[in-house]
Amino acid sequence: MAKNKVFDGDVVTIEKASVESGDIVVENYLKGVALTDSDSDDKVQVANKGVWEIKVKAHDGSSDSKVEVGDKLYFDSSEDRLDKNDSGTFFGIALEEVSEGEEEDAQVMIVQG
């Protein structure tokens, strides 16, 4: 059995200031949800797998567009939310619908890669 495994990796600790528990975290290719607030050393624990309730706007970048189960969702850093505008960073897959033009918490499965 391999002896070089450090940990499972479902939760990682990174350095990022001003993060609150529940925030969306996107750092280069790492994306997830903060489990903790940033501490005094700017360390924060981030879950990078699973299904989470996350703020989603039913918009595709140019117009309102209903979010359907299975739609790809992207992180909009200027609005700190997910939407269907593929100019953002791909974050995950919608597991709940969001009506056209609405913004609400919806279940999202985080997808790395």
N, C-alpha and C. Protein backbone atom coordinates (compact mmCIF):
# COMPACT_ATOMS: atom_id res chain seq x y z
N MET A 1 0.84 -1.18 0.00
CA MET A 1 0.00 0.00 0.00
C MET A 1 0.89 1.25 0.00
N ALA A 2 0.51 2.23 -0.80
CA ALA A 2 1.28 3.48 -0.89
C ALA A 2 1.32 4.18 0.46
N LYS A 3 2.46 4.78 0.76
CA LYS A 3 2.64 5.45 2.04
C LYS A 3 2.82 6.95 1.89
N ASN A 4 2.63 7.46 0.66
CA ASN A 4 2.85 8.89 0.45
C ASN A 4 1.56 9.70 0.39
N LYS A 5 0.42 9.09 0.67
CA LYS A 5 -0.85 9.82 0.71
C LYS A 5 -0.84 10.74 1.92
N VAL A 6 -1.21 12.00 1.69
CA VAL A 6 -1.22 12.98 2.78
C VAL A 6 -2.60 13.04 3.43
N PHE A 7 -3.68 13.18 2.63
CA PHE A 7 -5.06 13.18 3.12
C PHE A 7 -5.99 13.03 1.92
N ASP A 8 -7.28 12.83 2.17
CA ASP A 8 -8.23 12.58 1.09
C ASP A 8 -8.38 13.76 0.13
N GLY A 9 -8.34 14.97 0.62
CA GLY A 9 -8.39 16.13 -0.26
C GLY A 9 -9.77 16.72 -0.49
N ASP A 10 -10.80 16.17 0.15
CA ASP A 10 -12.14 16.75 0.02
C ASP A 10 -12.20 18.13 0.66
N VAL A 11 -11.34 18.36 1.64
CA VAL A 11 -11.21 19.66 2.31
C VAL A 11 -9.73 20.02 2.30
N VAL A 12 -9.43 21.22 1.83
CA VAL A 12 -8.05 21.69 1.81
C VAL A 12 -7.97 23.02 2.55
N THR A 13 -6.80 23.33 3.04
CA THR A 13 -6.55 24.61 3.69
C THR A 13 -5.67 25.44 2.77
N ILE A 14 -6.15 26.65 2.45
CA ILE A 14 -5.39 27.54 1.58
C ILE A 14 -5.26 28.90 2.26
N GLU A 15 -4.41 29.73 1.71
CA GLU A 15 -4.24 31.09 2.21
C GLU A 15 -5.08 32.03 1.35
N LYS A 16 -6.07 32.66 1.98
CA LYS A 16 -6.93 33.62 1.29
C LYS A 16 -7.59 34.50 2.34
N ALA A 17 -7.37 35.79 2.24
CA ALA A 17 -7.89 36.74 3.22
C ALA A 17 -9.36 37.05 2.96
N SER A 18 -10.02 37.51 4.00
CA SER A 18 -11.38 38.07 3.92
C SER A 18 -12.43 37.10 3.39
N VAL A 19 -12.31 35.83 3.77
CA VAL A 19 -13.29 34.83 3.37
C VAL A 19 -14.15 34.49 4.58
N GLU A 20 -15.45 34.34 4.35
CA GLU A 20 -16.36 33.94 5.41
C GLU A 20 -16.92 32.56 5.10
N SER A 21 -17.23 31.81 6.15
CA SER A 21 -17.80 30.49 5.98
C SER A 21 -19.02 30.57 5.06
N GLY A 22 -19.07 29.68 4.08
CA GLY A 22 -20.17 29.66 3.12
C GLY A 22 -19.88 30.39 1.82
N ASP A 23 -18.79 31.17 1.79
CA ASP A 23 -18.42 31.89 0.57
C ASP A 23 -17.97 30.92 -0.52
N ILE A 24 -18.21 31.31 -1.77
CA ILE A 24 -17.63 30.62 -2.90
C ILE A 24 -16.15 30.99 -2.94
N VAL A 25 -15.30 29.99 -3.15
CA VAL A 25 -13.86 30.22 -3.24
C VAL A 25 -13.37 29.69 -4.59
N VAL A 26 -12.73 30.57 -5.36
CA VAL A 26 -12.12 30.17 -6.63
C VAL A 26 -10.69 30.71 -6.63
N GLU A 27 -9.72 29.81 -6.68
CA GLU A 27 -8.31 30.16 -6.73
C GLU A 27 -7.68 29.36 -7.86
N ASN A 28 -7.44 30.01 -8.99
CA ASN A 28 -6.92 29.32 -10.16
C ASN A 28 -7.82 28.15 -10.51
N TYR A 29 -7.34 26.90 -10.42
CA TYR A 29 -8.15 25.74 -10.78
C TYR A 29 -8.88 25.12 -9.58
N LEU A 30 -8.67 25.64 -8.39
CA LEU A 30 -9.35 25.14 -7.19
C LEU A 30 -10.64 25.91 -7.01
N LYS A 31 -11.72 25.19 -6.81
CA LYS A 31 -13.00 25.85 -6.53
C LYS A 31 -13.72 25.07 -5.46
N GLY A 32 -14.45 25.81 -4.62
CA GLY A 32 -15.17 25.15 -3.54
C GLY A 32 -15.93 26.15 -2.70
N VAL A 33 -16.29 25.69 -1.51
CA VAL A 33 -17.05 26.50 -0.56
C VAL A 33 -16.27 26.56 0.74
N ALA A 34 -16.13 27.77 1.29
CA ALA A 34 -15.39 27.95 2.54
C ALA A 34 -16.15 27.30 3.70
N LEU A 35 -15.45 26.49 4.46
CA LEU A 35 -16.04 25.88 5.65
C LEU A 35 -15.81 26.73 6.89
N THR A 36 -14.79 27.59 6.81
CA THR A 36 -14.43 28.44 7.95
C THR A 36 -14.23 29.87 7.46
N ASP A 37 -14.21 30.79 8.39
CA ASP A 37 -13.76 32.15 8.08
C ASP A 37 -12.24 32.12 7.97
N SER A 38 -11.67 33.06 7.21
CA SER A 38 -10.21 33.21 7.21
C SER A 38 -9.75 33.50 8.63
N ASP A 39 -8.68 32.84 9.07
CA ASP A 39 -8.17 33.09 10.41
C ASP A 39 -7.17 34.24 10.39
N SER A 40 -6.50 34.48 11.50
CA SER A 40 -5.57 35.61 11.61
C SER A 40 -4.36 35.46 10.68
N ASP A 41 -4.10 34.24 10.21
CA ASP A 41 -3.01 34.00 9.25
C ASP A 41 -3.55 33.89 7.82
N ASP A 42 -4.80 34.29 7.62
CA ASP A 42 -5.48 34.22 6.32
C ASP A 42 -5.65 32.80 5.81
N LYS A 43 -5.67 31.82 6.69
CA LYS A 43 -5.91 30.43 6.31
C LYS A 43 -7.41 30.15 6.36
N VAL A 44 -7.88 29.40 5.37
CA VAL A 44 -9.30 29.05 5.31
C VAL A 44 -9.44 27.61 4.83
N GLN A 45 -10.37 26.87 5.40
CA GLN A 45 -10.64 25.51 4.95
C GLN A 45 -11.70 25.56 3.87
N VAL A 46 -11.44 24.86 2.76
CA VAL A 46 -12.33 24.88 1.60
C VAL A 46 -12.73 23.46 1.23
N ALA A 47 -14.04 23.22 1.16
CA ALA A 47 -14.56 21.94 0.66
C ALA A 47 -14.61 22.03 -0.86
N ASN A 48 -14.03 21.04 -1.53
CA ASN A 48 -13.98 21.11 -2.99
C ASN A 48 -14.75 19.98 -3.68
N LYS A 49 -15.61 19.33 -2.93
CA LYS A 49 -16.48 18.29 -3.48
C LYS A 49 -17.84 18.41 -2.80
N GLY A 50 -18.83 17.78 -3.41
CA GLY A 50 -20.14 17.71 -2.78
C GLY A 50 -21.17 18.60 -3.43
N VAL A 51 -22.34 18.62 -2.80
CA VAL A 51 -23.47 19.42 -3.26
C VAL A 51 -23.76 20.47 -2.20
N TRP A 52 -23.88 21.71 -2.65
CA TRP A 52 -24.02 22.86 -1.75
C TRP A 52 -25.16 23.76 -2.19
N GLU A 53 -25.77 24.46 -1.24
CA GLU A 53 -26.73 25.52 -1.54
C GLU A 53 -25.91 26.78 -1.81
N ILE A 54 -25.99 27.27 -3.05
CA ILE A 54 -25.17 28.41 -3.48
C ILE A 54 -26.05 29.38 -4.25
N LYS A 55 -25.75 30.69 -4.10
CA LYS A 55 -26.51 31.73 -4.80
C LYS A 55 -26.31 31.60 -6.31
N VAL A 56 -27.44 31.47 -7.04
CA VAL A 56 -27.42 31.30 -8.49
C VAL A 56 -28.36 32.32 -9.13
N LYS A 57 -27.89 32.99 -10.17
CA LYS A 57 -28.69 33.92 -10.96
C LYS A 57 -29.02 33.26 -12.29
N ALA A 58 -30.30 33.25 -12.66
CA ALA A 58 -30.73 32.65 -13.93
C ALA A 58 -30.50 33.66 -15.06
N HIS A 59 -29.25 33.73 -15.49
CA HIS A 59 -28.82 34.70 -16.50
C HIS A 59 -27.66 34.09 -17.27
N ASP A 60 -27.58 34.35 -18.57
CA ASP A 60 -26.51 33.74 -19.37
C ASP A 60 -25.44 34.74 -19.82
N GLY A 61 -25.47 35.93 -19.25
CA GLY A 61 -24.48 36.95 -19.61
C GLY A 61 -25.05 38.03 -20.50
N SER A 62 -26.07 37.68 -21.29
CA SER A 62 -26.69 38.68 -22.16
C SER A 62 -28.18 38.85 -21.88
N SER A 63 -28.81 37.82 -21.32
CA SER A 63 -30.24 37.93 -21.01
C SER A 63 -30.61 36.93 -19.93
N ASP A 64 -31.80 37.12 -19.36
CA ASP A 64 -32.30 36.17 -18.38
C ASP A 64 -32.49 34.82 -19.05
N SER A 65 -32.10 33.75 -18.35
CA SER A 65 -32.17 32.42 -18.93
C SER A 65 -32.36 31.41 -17.80
N LYS A 66 -33.48 30.69 -17.82
CA LYS A 66 -33.80 29.72 -16.78
C LYS A 66 -32.64 28.73 -16.58
N VAL A 67 -32.34 28.46 -15.32
CA VAL A 67 -31.36 27.43 -14.99
C VAL A 67 -32.12 26.11 -14.85
N GLU A 68 -31.67 25.11 -15.59
CA GLU A 68 -32.30 23.79 -15.55
C GLU A 68 -31.36 22.80 -14.87
N VAL A 69 -31.93 21.72 -14.34
CA VAL A 69 -31.11 20.66 -13.75
C VAL A 69 -30.13 20.17 -14.81
N GLY A 70 -28.87 20.10 -14.45
CA GLY A 70 -27.83 19.64 -15.36
C GLY A 70 -27.08 20.75 -16.07
N ASP A 71 -27.55 22.01 -15.95
CA ASP A 71 -26.84 23.13 -16.59
C ASP A 71 -25.50 23.36 -15.93
N LYS A 72 -24.51 23.74 -16.75
CA LYS A 72 -23.21 24.17 -16.23
C LYS A 72 -23.38 25.56 -15.61
N LEU A 73 -22.73 25.77 -14.48
CA LEU A 73 -22.76 27.07 -13.81
C LEU A 73 -21.33 27.58 -13.65
N TYR A 74 -21.21 28.91 -13.78
CA TYR A 74 -19.91 29.57 -13.78
C TYR A 74 -19.87 30.63 -12.69
N PHE A 75 -18.68 30.84 -12.12
CA PHE A 75 -18.52 31.84 -11.06
C PHE A 75 -18.36 33.22 -11.67
N ASP A 76 -19.21 34.14 -11.24
CA ASP A 76 -19.14 35.54 -11.63
C ASP A 76 -18.52 36.29 -10.46
N SER A 77 -17.22 36.59 -10.56
CA SER A 77 -16.50 37.20 -9.44
C SER A 77 -16.97 38.62 -9.15
N SER A 78 -17.49 39.33 -10.15
CA SER A 78 -17.96 40.70 -9.90
C SER A 78 -19.25 40.71 -9.09
N GLU A 79 -20.04 39.65 -9.17
CA GLU A 79 -21.31 39.57 -8.44
C GLU A 79 -21.26 38.56 -7.29
N ASP A 80 -20.15 37.80 -7.19
CA ASP A 80 -19.97 36.79 -6.15
C ASP A 80 -21.13 35.79 -6.14
N ARG A 81 -21.42 35.24 -7.33
CA ARG A 81 -22.52 34.28 -7.49
C ARG A 81 -22.21 33.39 -8.68
N LEU A 82 -23.08 32.41 -8.89
CA LEU A 82 -22.99 31.55 -10.06
C LEU A 82 -24.08 31.93 -11.05
N ASP A 83 -23.78 31.75 -12.35
CA ASP A 83 -24.77 31.96 -13.40
C ASP A 83 -24.38 31.11 -14.60
N LYS A 84 -25.08 31.28 -15.72
CA LYS A 84 -24.83 30.47 -16.92
C LYS A 84 -23.87 31.14 -17.90
N ASN A 85 -23.29 32.27 -17.54
CA ASN A 85 -22.38 33.01 -18.42
C ASN A 85 -21.03 32.30 -18.45
N ASP A 86 -20.71 31.69 -19.60
CA ASP A 86 -19.48 30.90 -19.68
C ASP A 86 -18.20 31.72 -19.78
N SER A 87 -18.29 33.04 -19.61
CA SER A 87 -17.06 33.85 -19.54
C SER A 87 -16.45 33.77 -18.14
N GLY A 88 -17.21 33.25 -17.17
CA GLY A 88 -16.69 33.06 -15.83
C GLY A 88 -15.96 31.73 -15.71
N THR A 89 -15.53 31.40 -14.50
CA THR A 89 -14.84 30.14 -14.21
C THR A 89 -15.86 29.04 -13.98
N PHE A 90 -15.77 27.93 -14.75
CA PHE A 90 -16.69 26.81 -14.55
C PHE A 90 -16.59 26.34 -13.11
N PHE A 91 -17.75 26.19 -12.45
CA PHE A 91 -17.80 25.83 -11.04
C PHE A 91 -18.47 24.48 -10.79
N GLY A 92 -19.62 24.25 -11.45
CA GLY A 92 -20.33 23.02 -11.16
C GLY A 92 -21.60 22.88 -11.98
N ILE A 93 -22.45 21.95 -11.53
CA ILE A 93 -23.67 21.57 -12.23
C ILE A 93 -24.88 21.87 -11.36
N ALA A 94 -25.90 22.50 -11.96
CA ALA A 94 -27.15 22.79 -11.24
C ALA A 94 -27.91 21.50 -10.96
N LEU A 95 -28.39 21.34 -9.74
CA LEU A 95 -29.23 20.21 -9.38
C LEU A 95 -30.65 20.64 -9.07
N GLU A 96 -30.91 21.94 -9.23
CA GLU A 96 -32.26 22.50 -9.04
C GLU A 96 -32.47 23.57 -10.09
N GLU A 97 -33.72 23.80 -10.45
CA GLU A 97 -34.06 24.86 -11.39
C GLU A 97 -34.10 26.21 -10.68
N VAL A 98 -33.78 27.26 -11.45
CA VAL A 98 -33.96 28.64 -11.00
C VAL A 98 -34.70 29.34 -12.13
N SER A 99 -35.84 29.95 -11.80
CA SER A 99 -36.67 30.59 -12.82
C SER A 99 -35.95 31.74 -13.49
N GLU A 100 -36.27 31.94 -14.76
CA GLU A 100 -35.67 32.98 -15.59
C GLU A 100 -35.63 34.33 -14.86
N GLY A 101 -34.43 34.90 -14.76
CA GLY A 101 -34.25 36.21 -14.15
C GLY A 101 -34.15 36.21 -12.63
N GLU A 102 -34.47 35.10 -11.99
CA GLU A 102 -34.43 35.03 -10.53
C GLU A 102 -33.01 34.80 -10.02
N GLU A 103 -32.79 35.17 -8.77
CA GLU A 103 -31.52 34.89 -8.08
C GLU A 103 -31.88 34.28 -6.75
N GLU A 104 -31.44 33.04 -6.53
CA GLU A 104 -31.78 32.35 -5.29
C GLU A 104 -30.76 31.26 -4.99
N ASP A 105 -30.79 30.78 -3.76
CA ASP A 105 -29.93 29.65 -3.40
C ASP A 105 -30.47 28.40 -4.07
N ALA A 106 -29.57 27.63 -4.67
CA ALA A 106 -29.95 26.39 -5.35
C ALA A 106 -28.85 25.36 -5.10
N GLN A 107 -29.23 24.09 -5.19
CA GLN A 107 -28.25 23.02 -5.01
C GLN A 107 -27.34 22.94 -6.23
N VAL A 108 -26.04 22.95 -5.96
CA VAL A 108 -25.02 22.89 -7.00
C VAL A 108 -23.99 21.84 -6.61
N MET A 109 -23.65 20.98 -7.58
CA MET A 109 -22.60 19.99 -7.37
C MET A 109 -21.29 20.57 -7.88
N ILE A 110 -20.30 20.69 -7.00
CA ILE A 110 -19.00 21.20 -7.39
C ILE A 110 -18.32 20.17 -8.31
N VAL A 111 -17.75 20.67 -9.42
CA VAL A 111 -17.03 19.80 -10.35
C VAL A 111 -15.63 20.40 -10.55
N GLN A 112 -14.62 19.65 -10.17
CA GLN A 112 -13.24 20.09 -10.40
C GLN A 112 -12.83 19.75 -11.82
N GLY A 113 -11.96 20.56 -12.36
CA GLY A 113 -11.44 20.24 -13.69
C GLY A 113 -11.88 21.22 -14.75
